[in-house]
Amino acid sequence: MGTLDSLPARPLRESEVAALNRSDGLQYAVATERAGPTGGIIIATDEWVKGLAFADSEWNVVASERLDGTPRPDALRRCERAVVETLRAE
């Protein structure tokens, strides 16, 4: 079961994003909202960064960046931008 499959069919609470951030399979997980439930998260390992958005009643990968030669901060920004744009279009 992958990260996407393990997410509930709703926006995540802050505690759930924090639990993802502490999980063994991810190095980084952060909400795109400052407080409260979030419909957007950025997750990362040492190999990739993904932007996930809760749209159309399910979680979707809206951006994915491999880190082979791409600086992590650039990948994080691009994925966050894709999530924000997706949620804005909802």
N, C-alpha and C. Protein backbone atom coordinates (compact mmCIF):
# COMPACT_ATOMS: atom_id res chain seq x y z
N MET A 1 0.85 -1.18 0.00
CA MET A 1 0.00 0.00 0.00
C MET A 1 0.89 1.23 0.00
N GLY A 2 0.65 2.14 -0.92
CA GLY A 2 1.43 3.36 -1.02
C GLY A 2 0.84 4.47 -0.18
N THR A 3 1.56 5.56 -0.11
CA THR A 3 1.12 6.72 0.67
C THR A 3 -0.25 7.20 0.21
N LEU A 4 -0.45 7.31 -1.08
CA LEU A 4 -1.71 7.80 -1.62
C LEU A 4 -2.87 6.91 -1.19
N ASP A 5 -2.67 5.60 -1.23
CA ASP A 5 -3.71 4.66 -0.82
C ASP A 5 -4.03 4.72 0.66
N SER A 6 -3.09 5.17 1.46
CA SER A 6 -3.29 5.19 2.91
C SER A 6 -3.99 6.47 3.39
N LEU A 7 -4.18 7.44 2.51
CA LEU A 7 -4.81 8.70 2.92
C LEU A 7 -6.32 8.55 2.99
N PRO A 8 -6.95 9.18 3.98
CA PRO A 8 -8.42 9.13 4.06
C PRO A 8 -9.05 9.93 2.91
N ALA A 9 -10.28 9.63 2.61
CA ALA A 9 -10.99 10.29 1.50
C ALA A 9 -11.57 11.62 1.96
N ARG A 10 -10.68 12.48 2.42
CA ARG A 10 -11.04 13.82 2.89
C ARG A 10 -9.75 14.60 3.10
N PRO A 11 -9.86 15.93 3.26
CA PRO A 11 -8.65 16.71 3.60
C PRO A 11 -8.06 16.21 4.93
N LEU A 12 -6.76 16.39 5.08
CA LEU A 12 -6.06 15.90 6.27
C LEU A 12 -6.05 16.91 7.40
N ARG A 13 -6.17 16.39 8.61
CA ARG A 13 -6.02 17.23 9.81
C ARG A 13 -4.52 17.46 10.04
N GLU A 14 -4.22 18.50 10.80
CA GLU A 14 -2.81 18.83 11.09
C GLU A 14 -2.08 17.65 11.71
N SER A 15 -2.74 16.93 12.61
CA SER A 15 -2.10 15.79 13.28
C SER A 15 -1.78 14.67 12.28
N GLU A 16 -2.60 14.53 11.26
CA GLU A 16 -2.35 13.50 10.25
C GLU A 16 -1.16 13.86 9.37
N VAL A 17 -1.02 15.14 9.05
CA VAL A 17 0.15 15.58 8.28
C VAL A 17 1.40 15.39 9.14
N ALA A 18 1.32 15.71 10.42
CA ALA A 18 2.46 15.51 11.32
C ALA A 18 2.84 14.03 11.40
N ALA A 19 1.86 13.14 11.43
CA ALA A 19 2.14 11.71 11.47
C ALA A 19 2.83 11.26 10.18
N LEU A 20 2.39 11.79 9.05
CA LEU A 20 3.07 11.48 7.78
C LEU A 20 4.53 11.94 7.82
N ASN A 21 4.74 13.11 8.39
CA ASN A 21 6.09 13.66 8.47
C ASN A 21 7.01 12.79 9.33
N ARG A 22 6.44 12.09 10.29
CA ARG A 22 7.22 11.20 11.16
C ARG A 22 7.34 9.78 10.61
N SER A 23 6.64 9.47 9.53
CA SER A 23 6.63 8.10 9.02
C SER A 23 7.99 7.70 8.47
N ASP A 24 8.27 6.42 8.50
CA ASP A 24 9.56 5.90 8.03
C ASP A 24 9.73 6.03 6.52
N GLY A 25 8.63 5.98 5.77
CA GLY A 25 8.72 5.98 4.33
C GLY A 25 8.96 7.34 3.69
N LEU A 26 8.78 8.41 4.47
CA LEU A 26 8.94 9.76 3.94
C LEU A 26 9.98 10.52 4.75
N GLN A 27 10.68 11.41 4.07
CA GLN A 27 11.60 12.29 4.77
C GLN A 27 10.94 13.61 5.12
N TYR A 28 9.85 13.91 4.42
CA TYR A 28 9.27 15.25 4.55
C TYR A 28 7.80 15.18 4.15
N ALA A 29 6.94 15.78 4.93
CA ALA A 29 5.53 15.95 4.58
C ALA A 29 5.07 17.27 5.18
N VAL A 30 4.45 18.11 4.37
CA VAL A 30 4.00 19.41 4.85
C VAL A 30 2.70 19.77 4.15
N ALA A 31 1.82 20.42 4.91
CA ALA A 31 0.54 20.88 4.37
C ALA A 31 0.75 22.17 3.58
N THR A 32 -0.11 22.38 2.60
CA THR A 32 -0.06 23.64 1.85
C THR A 32 -0.92 24.71 2.51
N GLU A 33 -1.74 24.32 3.50
CA GLU A 33 -2.56 25.27 4.27
C GLU A 33 -1.81 25.56 5.57
N ARG A 34 -1.93 26.76 6.07
CA ARG A 34 -1.23 27.14 7.30
C ARG A 34 -1.86 26.53 8.55
N ALA A 35 -3.17 26.34 8.55
CA ALA A 35 -3.85 25.80 9.72
C ALA A 35 -5.11 25.08 9.29
N GLY A 36 -5.55 24.16 10.14
CA GLY A 36 -6.78 23.45 9.87
C GLY A 36 -6.60 22.34 8.85
N PRO A 37 -7.70 21.71 8.48
CA PRO A 37 -7.62 20.65 7.48
C PRO A 37 -7.04 21.18 6.17
N THR A 38 -6.27 20.33 5.51
CA THR A 38 -5.64 20.74 4.25
C THR A 38 -5.99 19.77 3.14
N GLY A 39 -6.25 20.32 1.99
CA GLY A 39 -6.49 19.52 0.81
C GLY A 39 -5.26 19.42 -0.05
N GLY A 40 -4.12 19.89 0.46
CA GLY A 40 -2.88 19.82 -0.30
C GLY A 40 -1.71 19.50 0.59
N ILE A 41 -0.88 18.56 0.15
CA ILE A 41 0.34 18.23 0.90
C ILE A 41 1.49 18.01 -0.08
N ILE A 42 2.68 18.28 0.41
CA ILE A 42 3.90 18.02 -0.33
C ILE A 42 4.63 16.93 0.46
N ILE A 43 5.00 15.85 -0.23
CA ILE A 43 5.74 14.76 0.41
C ILE A 43 7.04 14.55 -0.35
N ALA A 44 8.06 14.05 0.35
CA ALA A 44 9.36 13.87 -0.30
C ALA A 44 10.13 12.71 0.34
N THR A 45 10.95 12.10 -0.49
CA THR A 45 11.96 11.14 -0.04
C THR A 45 13.30 11.69 -0.51
N ASP A 46 14.35 10.91 -0.40
CA ASP A 46 15.63 11.39 -0.90
C ASP A 46 15.71 11.30 -2.43
N GLU A 47 14.72 10.66 -3.07
CA GLU A 47 14.73 10.49 -4.52
C GLU A 47 13.71 11.33 -5.27
N TRP A 48 12.62 11.75 -4.62
CA TRP A 48 11.55 12.47 -5.31
C TRP A 48 10.78 13.39 -4.38
N VAL A 49 10.02 14.28 -5.00
CA VAL A 49 9.07 15.17 -4.31
C VAL A 49 7.76 15.05 -5.08
N LYS A 50 6.64 14.98 -4.34
CA LYS A 50 5.32 14.89 -4.98
C LYS A 50 4.38 15.90 -4.33
N GLY A 51 3.53 16.48 -5.15
CA GLY A 51 2.47 17.35 -4.67
C GLY A 51 1.15 16.62 -4.79
N LEU A 52 0.42 16.52 -3.68
CA LEU A 52 -0.86 15.81 -3.65
C LEU A 52 -1.97 16.80 -3.37
N ALA A 53 -3.07 16.67 -4.09
CA ALA A 53 -4.22 17.55 -3.89
C ALA A 53 -5.48 16.71 -3.75
N PHE A 54 -6.32 17.10 -2.80
CA PHE A 54 -7.62 16.44 -2.65
C PHE A 54 -8.60 17.17 -3.56
N ALA A 55 -8.90 16.56 -4.68
CA ALA A 55 -9.78 17.16 -5.68
C ALA A 55 -10.71 16.08 -6.23
N ASP A 56 -11.92 16.46 -6.53
CA ASP A 56 -12.91 15.51 -7.04
C ASP A 56 -13.09 14.33 -6.08
N SER A 57 -13.11 14.64 -4.78
CA SER A 57 -13.36 13.65 -3.71
C SER A 57 -12.31 12.56 -3.58
N GLU A 58 -11.08 12.83 -4.07
CA GLU A 58 -10.00 11.86 -3.89
C GLU A 58 -8.64 12.57 -3.96
N TRP A 59 -7.63 11.90 -3.42
CA TRP A 59 -6.26 12.43 -3.47
C TRP A 59 -5.65 12.11 -4.83
N ASN A 60 -5.00 13.10 -5.41
CA ASN A 60 -4.35 12.96 -6.71
C ASN A 60 -2.93 13.50 -6.65
N VAL A 61 -2.03 12.83 -7.35
CA VAL A 61 -0.67 13.36 -7.52
C VAL A 61 -0.76 14.37 -8.66
N VAL A 62 -0.54 15.64 -8.33
CA VAL A 62 -0.65 16.69 -9.34
C VAL A 62 0.72 17.17 -9.83
N ALA A 63 1.76 16.76 -9.14
CA ALA A 63 3.13 17.10 -9.56
C ALA A 63 4.09 16.08 -8.97
N SER A 64 5.10 15.75 -9.73
CA SER A 64 6.12 14.80 -9.27
C SER A 64 7.45 15.21 -9.86
N GLU A 65 8.46 15.27 -9.02
CA GLU A 65 9.80 15.68 -9.44
C GLU A 65 10.83 14.68 -8.93
N ARG A 66 11.64 14.16 -9.82
CA ARG A 66 12.77 13.32 -9.41
C ARG A 66 13.90 14.24 -8.97
N LEU A 67 14.65 13.82 -7.99
CA LEU A 67 15.71 14.66 -7.46
C LEU A 67 17.09 14.33 -8.03
N ASP A 68 17.13 13.63 -9.13
CA ASP A 68 18.42 13.32 -9.76
C ASP A 68 18.90 14.55 -10.53
N GLY A 69 19.60 15.42 -9.84
CA GLY A 69 20.12 16.64 -10.45
C GLY A 69 19.26 17.87 -10.20
N THR A 70 18.05 17.69 -9.72
CA THR A 70 17.16 18.82 -9.42
C THR A 70 17.33 19.19 -7.95
N PRO A 71 17.64 20.43 -7.64
CA PRO A 71 17.73 20.83 -6.23
C PRO A 71 16.38 20.66 -5.53
N ARG A 72 16.40 20.10 -4.34
CA ARG A 72 15.17 19.84 -3.59
C ARG A 72 14.32 21.10 -3.41
N PRO A 73 14.88 22.25 -3.04
CA PRO A 73 14.04 23.45 -2.88
C PRO A 73 13.26 23.81 -4.15
N ASP A 74 13.89 23.66 -5.31
CA ASP A 74 13.21 23.95 -6.57
C ASP A 74 12.05 22.98 -6.79
N ALA A 75 12.29 21.70 -6.54
CA ALA A 75 11.25 20.69 -6.71
C ALA A 75 10.09 20.93 -5.73
N LEU A 76 10.41 21.30 -4.50
CA LEU A 76 9.37 21.59 -3.51
C LEU A 76 8.50 22.76 -3.96
N ARG A 77 9.13 23.80 -4.44
CA ARG A 77 8.38 24.98 -4.90
C ARG A 77 7.48 24.65 -6.09
N ARG A 78 8.00 23.90 -7.05
CA ARG A 78 7.18 23.56 -8.22
C ARG A 78 6.00 22.68 -7.83
N CYS A 79 6.23 21.72 -6.95
CA CYS A 79 5.13 20.85 -6.52
C CYS A 79 4.09 21.64 -5.72
N GLU A 80 4.55 22.52 -4.84
CA GLU A 80 3.61 23.33 -4.07
C GLU A 80 2.78 24.22 -5.00
N ARG A 81 3.42 24.82 -5.97
CA ARG A 81 2.70 25.68 -6.93
C ARG A 81 1.63 24.89 -7.67
N ALA A 82 1.94 23.66 -8.07
CA ALA A 82 0.97 22.82 -8.79
C ALA A 82 -0.22 22.47 -7.89
N VAL A 83 0.05 22.19 -6.62
CA VAL A 83 -1.03 21.87 -5.68
C VAL A 83 -1.93 23.08 -5.49
N VAL A 84 -1.35 24.22 -5.23
CA VAL A 84 -2.12 25.44 -5.00
C VAL A 84 -2.98 25.77 -6.22
N GLU A 85 -2.41 25.66 -7.40
CA GLU A 85 -3.17 25.94 -8.63
C GLU A 85 -4.32 24.95 -8.81
N THR A 86 -4.08 23.69 -8.50
CA THR A 86 -5.13 22.66 -8.62
C THR A 86 -6.27 22.95 -7.66
N LEU A 87 -5.93 23.28 -6.43
CA LEU A 87 -6.98 23.56 -5.43
C LEU A 87 -7.73 24.84 -5.75
N ARG A 88 -7.05 25.80 -6.29
CA ARG A 88 -7.69 27.07 -6.67
C ARG A 88 -8.71 26.85 -7.78
N ALA A 89 -8.42 25.90 -8.67
CA ALA A 89 -9.31 25.61 -9.80
C ALA A 89 -10.55 24.81 -9.39
N GLU A 90 -10.50 24.23 -8.21
CA GLU A 90 -11.62 23.42 -7.72
C GLU A 90 -12.86 24.22 -7.50
